[in-house]
Every structure is written in structure tokens, then in C-alpha cells.
């Protein structure tokens, strides 16, 4: 690489320089010469503090990973004529997934003449959504997809919060309200003026 297109640490274009000259320029500023575009002709090199640059890039990547939320989607399959016991079992799975902060794809599978009554599948899906509404919200309403009907549920802010914790918060709030209601007016000060009857008794004495 006899020549490079040199960029200063401030981003200023310094033109095409011999590689040795570019290296000496970078070292003269106590910085590094880093090739940033090797595919260019000639290659592009930039003067920088490479250690600081790597640190900043690692921090950016770490911040991006921190803000990147992984979305897990679970799937539950139902039949439109599902038995009550099986429905309760499937609903339990949905509740568990939502409490794990996962989305749940609920699929109704139609067979044969069942496809002529899609409203049964829709009613079943909406019943499920109603049963789990405290921890799940409908993100995608029931839609036909070939022989299937699909609905997507997402966790609410209450998902993953135990009932005992919510009950304790409610009870604490009630105790605070009751405590405020039990307050009594302060007793009158002992140095208040005596009543008229007390004044008369003292005069007779």
C-alpha cells in the first residue's frame, strides 16, 4: 500500500499521502494511523487514538445490547370444539408464557366442515383473551390464515407480578386510609378558661 487517502483526527481531508508520510504524521501527533476503508482506491486511513476508538465502539455496542429487547413468541394450538378441561390446561400455558413476558400466538385449527363456522374459533379466542385480560392484551385480533385462525397476545404491565404482591400493596393502601380515618381531634389544652359553673363555685368558697 504505497499511498493512502489521509483523514485527520478532526475529520479533515488531507489528501493522498505516501504511507510512510501518513504514519509519520500520525506518530507526530502521538496518535495511530488506522485503515478505515481498505476497499477504496487508494485505501482510506484515519489518524486517531485507536484505544479510545475501540473503547467507544464497545460502549456503543454494549448500550445497543442493553436497549435491545429480545422478543420471545410462544405458540398454543386449540381446536374449536376443545373440551373444558383441555381448555383450562391450554389457558394455564398461556398464563405461564405471559407471566414470563413472552408473546403468545394462539392458533385455532379447523378441520373439515369446521371451516364453515369460523365464528366458533373467533369466539373461543376472544373468550381466552377475556380470561387472561389482566396479564395479556390482544396485539393482533383473530385472523383467518388458510385453515387456521390466529391471534397474538402480548404481556401487560401486570404480567409476571404475583397476586400476593398486588394484594399486599392493596392491603397497605387500605391500612393507610383507615389510619387517616381513625385520627381524632386533639384534646383541648389544660390551660383553657374555666366554665361559668366553676367560676361560681370558686366565688362561693
Protein backbone atom coordinates (compact mmCIF):
# COMPACT_ATOMS: atom_id res chain seq x y z
CA UNK A 1 0.00 0.00 0.00
CA UNK A 2 2.24 2.81 -1.22
CA UNK A 3 -0.38 5.55 -0.77
CA UNK A 4 -3.43 6.30 1.38
CA UNK A 5 -6.12 8.94 1.41
CA UNK A 6 -5.44 10.57 4.76
CA UNK A 7 -8.08 11.92 7.14
CA UNK A 8 -7.09 13.95 10.18
CA UNK A 9 -8.37 13.20 13.70
CA UNK A 10 -10.89 16.03 13.29
CA UNK A 11 -12.23 14.55 10.04
CA UNK A 12 -10.40 16.94 7.75
CA UNK A 13 -9.36 15.56 4.36
CA UNK A 14 -5.58 15.82 3.97
CA UNK A 15 -5.47 14.31 0.50
CA UNK A 16 -3.45 11.42 -0.85
CA UNK A 17 -0.20 10.83 1.02
CA UNK A 18 2.57 8.28 0.87
CA UNK A 19 2.01 5.64 3.52
CA UNK A 20 5.28 6.41 5.30
CA UNK A 21 4.41 10.09 5.36
CA UNK A 22 0.96 9.35 6.78
CA UNK A 23 2.44 7.14 9.51
CA UNK A 24 4.96 9.84 10.47
CA UNK A 25 2.14 12.42 10.56
CA UNK A 26 0.10 10.27 12.94
CA UNK A 27 3.07 9.45 15.18
CA UNK A 28 3.98 13.13 15.25
CA UNK A 29 0.62 13.76 16.96
CA UNK A 30 1.16 10.77 19.27
CA UNK A 31 -1.81 9.03 17.58
CA UNK A 32 -2.39 5.93 15.46
CA UNK A 33 -2.97 5.53 11.73
CA UNK A 34 -5.97 3.24 11.17
CA UNK A 35 -7.15 1.94 7.81
CA UNK A 36 -10.92 2.55 7.73
CA UNK A 37 -11.75 1.80 4.08
CA UNK A 38 -9.35 -0.79 2.65
CA UNK A 39 -11.56 -1.41 -0.40
CA UNK A 40 -11.18 2.18 -1.61
CA UNK A 41 -8.60 3.20 -4.17
CA UNK A 42 -6.37 4.34 -2.66
CA UNK A 43 -7.28 2.95 0.80
CA UNK A 44 -8.56 5.47 3.33
CA UNK A 45 -6.64 5.85 6.58
CA UNK A 46 -7.57 8.00 9.56
CA UNK A 47 -5.50 9.47 12.33
CA UNK A 48 -6.99 8.57 15.72
CA UNK A 49 -6.44 7.28 19.22
CA UNK A 50 -7.17 3.65 18.43
CA UNK A 51 -7.50 2.57 22.06
CA UNK A 52 -10.08 5.29 22.72
CA UNK A 53 -11.86 4.45 19.48
CA UNK A 54 -12.19 0.77 20.42
CA UNK A 55 -13.47 1.69 23.87
CA UNK A 56 -16.14 3.98 22.41
CA UNK A 57 -17.24 1.31 19.94
CA UNK A 58 -17.52 -1.28 22.72
CA UNK A 59 -19.61 1.11 24.80
CA UNK A 60 -21.92 1.75 21.85
CA UNK A 61 -22.35 -1.98 21.28
CA UNK A 62 -23.00 -2.58 24.98
CA UNK A 63 -25.61 0.18 25.06
CA UNK A 64 -27.29 -1.21 21.96
CA UNK A 65 -27.49 -4.67 23.53
CA UNK A 66 -28.91 -3.18 26.72
CA UNK A 67 -31.74 -1.44 24.89
CA UNK A 68 -32.40 -4.33 22.56
CA UNK A 69 -35.26 -6.38 23.96
CA UNK A 70 -35.44 -9.98 22.85
CA UNK A 71 -38.97 -10.89 21.86
CA UNK A 72 -39.95 -14.47 22.59
CA UNK A 73 -43.07 -15.81 20.89
CA UNK A 74 -44.71 -18.97 22.17
CA UNK A 75 -47.48 -20.81 20.33
CA UNK A 76 -50.55 -22.59 21.64
CA UNK A 77 -52.83 -24.60 19.34
CA UNK A 78 -56.51 -25.20 20.03
CA UNK A 79 -59.39 -26.98 18.35
CA UNK A 80 -62.72 -25.15 18.03
CA UNK A 81 -64.51 -28.00 19.87
CA UNK A 82 -61.99 -28.24 22.69
CA UNK A 83 -63.13 -29.83 25.98
CA UNK A 84 -63.37 -27.64 29.07
CA UNK A 85 -60.57 -29.47 30.88
CA UNK A 86 -58.26 -29.19 27.86
CA UNK A 87 -59.15 -25.51 27.52
CA UNK A 88 -58.20 -24.83 31.13
CA UNK A 89 -54.89 -26.64 30.61
CA UNK A 90 -54.11 -24.60 27.49
CA UNK A 91 -55.13 -21.40 29.24
CA UNK A 92 -52.71 -22.26 32.04
CA UNK A 93 -49.90 -22.47 29.48
CA UNK A 94 -50.88 -19.08 28.06
CA UNK A 95 -50.86 -17.55 31.56
CA UNK A 96 -47.43 -19.03 32.26
CA UNK A 97 -45.99 -17.69 29.00
CA UNK A 98 -47.41 -14.22 29.55
CA UNK A 99 -46.01 -14.14 33.07
CA UNK A 100 -42.62 -14.94 31.51
CA UNK A 101 -43.06 -11.70 29.49
CA UNK A 102 -43.40 -13.67 26.24
CA UNK A 103 -45.87 -13.06 23.45
CA UNK A 104 -48.30 -15.89 22.74
CA UNK A 105 -49.53 -16.88 19.29
CA UNK A 106 -52.82 -18.71 19.73
CA UNK A 107 -53.88 -20.82 16.75
CA UNK A 108 -57.29 -22.39 16.17
CA UNK A 109 -57.03 -25.39 13.81
CA UNK A 110 -60.12 -26.11 11.73
CA UNK A 111 -60.77 -29.48 10.14
CA UNK A 112 -63.30 -30.48 7.51
CA UNK A 113 -66.63 -28.72 7.83
CA UNK A 114 -65.36 -26.75 10.82
CA UNK A 115 -64.05 -24.21 8.33
CA UNK A 116 -67.65 -23.21 7.57
CA UNK A 117 -68.04 -21.88 11.11
CA UNK A 118 -65.06 -19.57 11.70
CA UNK A 119 -67.11 -17.63 14.25
CA UNK A 120 -66.68 -20.52 16.69
CA UNK A 121 -62.93 -20.15 16.55
CA UNK A 122 -63.19 -16.39 16.91
CA UNK A 123 -65.48 -16.72 19.93
CA UNK A 124 -63.05 -19.15 21.54
CA UNK A 125 -60.10 -16.83 21.00
CA UNK A 126 -61.94 -13.83 22.39
CA UNK A 127 -63.04 -15.90 25.39
CA UNK A 128 -59.40 -16.74 26.05
CA UNK A 129 -58.41 -13.08 25.68
CA UNK A 130 -61.10 -12.13 28.20
CA UNK A 131 -59.91 -14.82 30.65
CA UNK A 132 -56.33 -13.55 30.64
CA UNK A 133 -57.03 -9.82 30.19
CA UNK A 134 -55.34 -8.97 33.50
CA UNK A 135 -51.94 -10.09 32.20
CA UNK A 136 -52.46 -10.24 28.42
CA UNK A 137 -53.57 -7.82 25.73
CA UNK A 138 -54.63 -8.59 22.16
CA UNK A 139 -51.90 -7.28 19.88
CA UNK A 140 -53.29 -8.90 16.74
CA UNK A 141 -57.02 -9.78 16.60
CA UNK A 142 -58.24 -13.18 15.33
CA UNK A 143 -57.49 -13.52 11.62
CA UNK A 144 -58.06 -16.43 9.24
CA UNK A 145 -54.89 -17.93 7.80
CA UNK A 146 -55.90 -20.76 5.49
CA UNK A 147 -57.48 -23.45 7.68
CA UNK A 148 -56.26 -21.74 10.82
CA UNK A 149 -57.29 -18.69 12.80
CA UNK A 150 -54.52 -16.82 14.62
CA UNK A 151 -54.50 -14.28 17.45
CA UNK A 152 -51.44 -12.72 19.10
CA UNK A 153 -51.37 -11.86 22.79
CA UNK A 154 -48.76 -9.68 24.47
CA UNK A 155 -47.98 -9.28 28.19
CA UNK A 156 -49.37 -6.31 30.11
CA UNK A 157 -47.51 -4.45 32.85
CA UNK A 158 -49.16 -6.78 35.39
CA UNK A 159 -47.69 -9.89 33.77
CA UNK A 160 -45.10 -11.53 35.98
CA UNK A 161 -46.33 -9.74 39.11
CA UNK A 162 -47.51 -12.21 41.75
CA UNK A 163 -51.02 -11.89 43.13
CA UNK A 164 -49.62 -11.89 46.68
CA UNK A 165 -47.53 -8.80 45.91
CA UNK A 166 -50.51 -6.96 44.40
CA UNK A 167 -52.73 -7.98 47.34
CA UNK A 168 -50.11 -6.74 49.80
CA UNK A 169 -49.95 -3.36 48.04
CA UNK A 170 -53.74 -3.09 48.13
CA UNK A 171 -53.88 -4.03 51.82
CA UNK A 172 -51.18 -1.49 52.66
CA UNK A 173 -53.15 1.21 50.88
CA UNK A 174 -56.30 0.29 52.81
CA UNK A 175 -54.44 0.39 56.11
CA UNK A 176 -53.15 3.85 55.30
CA UNK A 177 -56.66 5.08 54.54
CA UNK A 178 -58.04 3.54 57.73
CA UNK A 179 -55.22 5.09 59.71
CA UNK A 180 -56.14 8.51 58.39
CA UNK A 181 -59.82 7.94 59.23
CA UNK A 182 -59.11 6.98 62.85
CA UNK A 183 -57.49 10.28 63.65
CA UNK A 184 -59.24 12.20 66.47
CA UNK A 185 -59.35 15.88 67.14
CA UNK A 186 -56.69 16.96 69.62
CA UNK A 187 -57.83 17.24 73.25
CA UNK A 188 -58.34 20.78 74.49
CA UNK A 189 -55.40 22.34 76.22
CA UNK A 190 -55.38 22.20 80.02
CA UNK A 191 -54.94 25.95 80.37
CA UNK A 192 -58.28 26.84 78.75
CA UNK A 193 -60.62 29.24 80.60
CA UNK A 194 -62.82 27.52 83.26
CA UNK A 195 -66.57 27.24 82.69
CA UNK A 196 -69.07 29.61 84.31
CA UNK A 197 -70.14 26.94 86.86
CA UNK A 198 -66.55 26.54 88.03
CA UNK A 199 -66.26 30.33 88.46
CA UNK A 200 -69.38 30.42 90.63
CA UNK A 201 -68.13 27.60 92.88
CA UNK A 202 -64.86 29.36 93.40
CA UNK A 203 -66.68 32.63 94.31
CA UNK A 204 -68.84 30.87 96.96
CA UNK A 205 -65.81 29.33 98.50
